[in-house]
Amino acid sequence: MSDSVDHVSISWHQQSARVFISVKDSGVGLSNPDNLFVPFYTTNKTGSGTGLILCRQIAEQHGGYLTLQNRSDVSGCHASINLPA
């Protein structure tokens, strides 16, 4: 099984005083979305399970948020980041 990603797209736009960042890939998607932000939970052999929770906490400390979900149009994942401008 390969974790390769064929395509990654990054886009952003500003609306009023907010910046919206979108990162989409065409990989295999999220296998267990319920555990994405569970501290120390990982599916990687060498992972610690702290990366996504730290990213979300940093976004929240800046008055924003981070979401991840499987794409509905094709296989892959969509990360959305919303921050104050």
N, C-alpha and C. Protein backbone atom coordinates (compact mmCIF):
# COMPACT_ATOMS: atom_id res chain seq x y z
N MET A 1 0.85 -1.18 0.00
CA MET A 1 0.00 0.00 0.00
C MET A 1 0.88 1.23 0.00
N SER A 2 0.53 2.20 -0.80
CA SER A 2 1.31 3.42 -0.91
C SER A 2 0.53 4.60 -0.38
N ASP A 3 1.23 5.54 0.25
CA ASP A 3 0.60 6.76 0.74
C ASP A 3 0.89 7.92 -0.20
N SER A 4 1.14 7.65 -1.47
CA SER A 4 1.51 8.71 -2.39
C SER A 4 0.34 9.64 -2.67
N VAL A 5 0.69 10.86 -2.96
CA VAL A 5 -0.29 11.88 -3.31
C VAL A 5 0.07 12.39 -4.70
N ASP A 6 -0.87 12.31 -5.62
CA ASP A 6 -0.61 12.73 -6.99
C ASP A 6 -0.69 14.24 -7.16
N HIS A 7 -1.52 14.90 -6.40
CA HIS A 7 -1.77 16.31 -6.63
C HIS A 7 -2.12 17.01 -5.31
N VAL A 8 -1.52 18.17 -5.09
CA VAL A 8 -1.86 19.01 -3.94
C VAL A 8 -2.13 20.41 -4.47
N SER A 9 -3.25 20.99 -4.06
CA SER A 9 -3.56 22.36 -4.45
C SER A 9 -3.74 23.21 -3.19
N ILE A 10 -3.22 24.42 -3.25
CA ILE A 10 -3.33 25.35 -2.14
C ILE A 10 -3.92 26.64 -2.68
N SER A 11 -4.95 27.12 -2.01
CA SER A 11 -5.55 28.38 -2.41
C SER A 11 -5.91 29.18 -1.16
N TRP A 12 -6.09 30.46 -1.34
CA TRP A 12 -6.50 31.31 -0.22
C TRP A 12 -7.27 32.51 -0.75
N HIS A 13 -8.06 33.07 0.13
CA HIS A 13 -8.72 34.34 -0.17
C HIS A 13 -9.00 35.07 1.13
N GLN A 14 -9.13 36.37 1.01
CA GLN A 14 -9.45 37.19 2.18
C GLN A 14 -10.86 37.70 2.04
N GLN A 15 -11.60 37.62 3.12
CA GLN A 15 -12.97 38.13 3.15
C GLN A 15 -13.12 38.94 4.42
N SER A 16 -13.37 40.20 4.28
CA SER A 16 -13.41 41.12 5.41
C SER A 16 -12.11 41.00 6.19
N ALA A 17 -12.20 40.70 7.45
CA ALA A 17 -11.00 40.63 8.30
C ALA A 17 -10.53 39.19 8.53
N ARG A 18 -10.90 38.27 7.62
CA ARG A 18 -10.52 36.87 7.77
C ARG A 18 -9.76 36.40 6.54
N VAL A 19 -8.84 35.46 6.76
CA VAL A 19 -8.12 34.81 5.67
C VAL A 19 -8.51 33.34 5.69
N PHE A 20 -8.90 32.82 4.53
CA PHE A 20 -9.31 31.43 4.39
C PHE A 20 -8.27 30.72 3.53
N ILE A 21 -7.67 29.67 4.06
CA ILE A 21 -6.66 28.88 3.36
C ILE A 21 -7.21 27.49 3.15
N SER A 22 -7.06 26.98 1.93
CA SER A 22 -7.57 25.66 1.58
C SER A 22 -6.43 24.83 1.00
N VAL A 23 -6.26 23.63 1.54
CA VAL A 23 -5.26 22.69 1.02
C VAL A 23 -5.99 21.40 0.69
N LYS A 24 -5.91 20.99 -0.58
CA LYS A 24 -6.58 19.76 -1.02
C LYS A 24 -5.55 18.83 -1.64
N ASP A 25 -5.68 17.53 -1.36
CA ASP A 25 -4.82 16.56 -2.02
C ASP A 25 -5.67 15.47 -2.66
N SER A 26 -5.02 14.63 -3.43
CA SER A 26 -5.72 13.54 -4.11
C SER A 26 -5.20 12.19 -3.62
N GLY A 27 -4.84 12.14 -2.34
CA GLY A 27 -4.34 10.90 -1.76
C GLY A 27 -5.47 9.96 -1.38
N VAL A 28 -5.19 9.08 -0.42
CA VAL A 28 -6.16 8.06 -0.02
C VAL A 28 -7.25 8.61 0.88
N GLY A 29 -7.08 9.80 1.41
CA GLY A 29 -8.08 10.38 2.31
C GLY A 29 -7.82 9.99 3.75
N LEU A 30 -8.74 10.37 4.60
CA LEU A 30 -8.63 10.12 6.04
C LEU A 30 -9.28 8.78 6.36
N SER A 31 -8.50 7.88 6.94
CA SER A 31 -9.03 6.55 7.23
C SER A 31 -9.86 6.53 8.52
N ASN A 32 -9.57 7.42 9.46
CA ASN A 32 -10.30 7.45 10.71
C ASN A 32 -10.50 8.90 11.15
N PRO A 33 -11.42 9.63 10.53
CA PRO A 33 -11.58 11.05 10.82
C PRO A 33 -12.02 11.35 12.25
N ASP A 34 -12.59 10.39 12.95
CA ASP A 34 -13.04 10.64 14.33
C ASP A 34 -11.87 10.83 15.29
N ASN A 35 -10.69 10.31 14.94
CA ASN A 35 -9.54 10.40 15.84
C ASN A 35 -8.50 11.43 15.41
N LEU A 36 -8.83 12.29 14.46
CA LEU A 36 -7.86 13.25 13.93
C LEU A 36 -7.23 14.11 15.00
N PHE A 37 -8.02 14.61 15.92
CA PHE A 37 -7.52 15.56 16.91
C PHE A 37 -7.43 14.95 18.31
N VAL A 38 -7.34 13.63 18.38
CA VAL A 38 -7.14 12.95 19.66
C VAL A 38 -5.64 12.97 19.97
N PRO A 39 -5.25 13.60 21.09
CA PRO A 39 -3.82 13.67 21.40
C PRO A 39 -3.19 12.29 21.51
N PHE A 40 -2.02 12.14 20.93
CA PHE A 40 -1.19 10.94 20.96
C PHE A 40 -1.75 9.77 20.17
N TYR A 41 -2.85 9.96 19.43
CA TYR A 41 -3.35 8.92 18.55
C TYR A 41 -2.65 9.07 17.21
N THR A 42 -2.09 8.00 16.69
CA THR A 42 -1.43 8.06 15.39
C THR A 42 -1.59 6.73 14.66
N THR A 43 -1.56 6.82 13.35
CA THR A 43 -1.54 5.61 12.52
C THR A 43 -0.17 5.44 11.87
N ASN A 44 0.73 6.38 12.12
CA ASN A 44 2.08 6.31 11.57
C ASN A 44 3.02 5.56 12.51
N LYS A 45 3.85 4.72 11.96
CA LYS A 45 4.77 3.93 12.78
C LYS A 45 5.72 4.79 13.59
N THR A 46 6.13 5.92 13.04
CA THR A 46 7.08 6.78 13.74
C THR A 46 6.43 8.06 14.26
N GLY A 47 5.11 8.14 14.23
CA GLY A 47 4.41 9.35 14.66
C GLY A 47 4.21 9.41 16.15
N SER A 48 3.96 10.62 16.64
CA SER A 48 3.70 10.81 18.07
C SER A 48 2.25 11.19 18.34
N GLY A 49 1.51 11.54 17.30
CA GLY A 49 0.11 11.89 17.50
C GLY A 49 -0.09 13.29 18.06
N THR A 50 0.88 14.18 17.87
CA THR A 50 0.75 15.54 18.40
C THR A 50 0.64 16.60 17.31
N GLY A 51 0.93 16.28 16.07
CA GLY A 51 0.99 17.28 15.00
C GLY A 51 -0.31 18.00 14.74
N LEU A 52 -1.38 17.27 14.46
CA LEU A 52 -2.65 17.91 14.12
C LEU A 52 -3.25 18.66 15.29
N ILE A 53 -3.14 18.09 16.49
CA ILE A 53 -3.70 18.78 17.66
C ILE A 53 -2.96 20.08 17.91
N LEU A 54 -1.65 20.09 17.71
CA LEU A 54 -0.89 21.34 17.88
C LEU A 54 -1.27 22.36 16.82
N CYS A 55 -1.44 21.93 15.58
CA CYS A 55 -1.86 22.84 14.52
C CYS A 55 -3.21 23.46 14.83
N ARG A 56 -4.14 22.66 15.29
CA ARG A 56 -5.46 23.19 15.62
C ARG A 56 -5.38 24.15 16.80
N GLN A 57 -4.59 23.82 17.82
CA GLN A 57 -4.45 24.71 18.97
C GLN A 57 -3.80 26.04 18.59
N ILE A 58 -2.82 26.00 17.71
CA ILE A 58 -2.17 27.25 17.26
C ILE A 58 -3.19 28.12 16.52
N ALA A 59 -3.96 27.51 15.61
CA ALA A 59 -4.98 28.27 14.89
C ALA A 59 -5.99 28.89 15.86
N GLU A 60 -6.43 28.12 16.84
CA GLU A 60 -7.41 28.61 17.80
C GLU A 60 -6.84 29.72 18.68
N GLN A 61 -5.56 29.63 19.05
CA GLN A 61 -4.93 30.67 19.86
C GLN A 61 -4.83 31.99 19.10
N HIS A 62 -4.86 31.91 17.78
CA HIS A 62 -4.83 33.12 16.95
C HIS A 62 -6.23 33.56 16.53
N GLY A 63 -7.25 32.96 17.13
CA GLY A 63 -8.63 33.35 16.83
C GLY A 63 -9.19 32.69 15.58
N GLY A 64 -8.61 31.55 15.18
CA GLY A 64 -9.06 30.87 13.98
C GLY A 64 -9.46 29.44 14.25
N TYR A 65 -9.51 28.68 13.18
CA TYR A 65 -9.80 27.26 13.33
C TYR A 65 -9.21 26.47 12.18
N LEU A 66 -9.10 25.18 12.39
CA LEU A 66 -8.58 24.23 11.41
C LEU A 66 -9.54 23.06 11.34
N THR A 67 -9.92 22.69 10.12
CA THR A 67 -10.76 21.50 9.93
C THR A 67 -10.13 20.61 8.86
N LEU A 68 -10.35 19.32 8.98
CA LEU A 68 -9.92 18.36 7.97
C LEU A 68 -11.08 17.43 7.69
N GLN A 69 -11.25 17.10 6.42
CA GLN A 69 -12.32 16.18 6.04
C GLN A 69 -11.96 15.51 4.72
N ASN A 70 -12.56 14.37 4.49
CA ASN A 70 -12.40 13.71 3.20
C ASN A 70 -13.11 14.52 2.13
N ARG A 71 -12.52 14.54 0.96
CA ARG A 71 -13.15 15.26 -0.15
C ARG A 71 -14.35 14.48 -0.65
N SER A 72 -15.37 15.19 -1.10
CA SER A 72 -16.57 14.52 -1.61
C SER A 72 -16.52 14.37 -3.13
N ASP A 73 -15.68 15.16 -3.81
CA ASP A 73 -15.65 15.13 -5.27
C ASP A 73 -14.70 14.07 -5.82
N VAL A 74 -13.58 13.83 -5.15
CA VAL A 74 -12.58 12.83 -5.54
C VAL A 74 -11.96 12.27 -4.27
N SER A 75 -11.07 11.28 -4.41
CA SER A 75 -10.39 10.77 -3.22
C SER A 75 -9.40 11.82 -2.76
N GLY A 76 -9.17 11.87 -1.47
CA GLY A 76 -8.23 12.81 -0.90
C GLY A 76 -8.79 13.52 0.31
N CYS A 77 -8.04 14.50 0.76
CA CYS A 77 -8.36 15.23 1.98
C CYS A 77 -8.43 16.72 1.68
N HIS A 78 -9.23 17.43 2.47
CA HIS A 78 -9.35 18.88 2.37
C HIS A 78 -9.12 19.48 3.75
N ALA A 79 -8.07 20.29 3.88
CA ALA A 79 -7.78 21.01 5.11
C ALA A 79 -8.19 22.46 4.90
N SER A 80 -8.93 23.00 5.85
CA SER A 80 -9.36 24.39 5.81
C SER A 80 -8.83 25.11 7.03
N ILE A 81 -8.22 26.25 6.80
CA ILE A 81 -7.70 27.07 7.89
C ILE A 81 -8.34 28.44 7.75
N ASN A 82 -8.87 28.95 8.85
CA ASN A 82 -9.52 30.25 8.88
C ASN A 82 -8.82 31.05 9.97
N LEU A 83 -8.23 32.20 9.61
CA LEU A 83 -7.50 33.04 10.57
C LEU A 83 -7.89 34.48 10.42
N PRO A 84 -7.76 35.26 11.49
CA PRO A 84 -7.97 36.70 11.34
C PRO A 84 -6.87 37.29 10.45
N ALA A 85 -7.24 38.27 9.63
CA ALA A 85 -6.26 38.94 8.80
C ALA A 85 -5.48 39.91 9.68
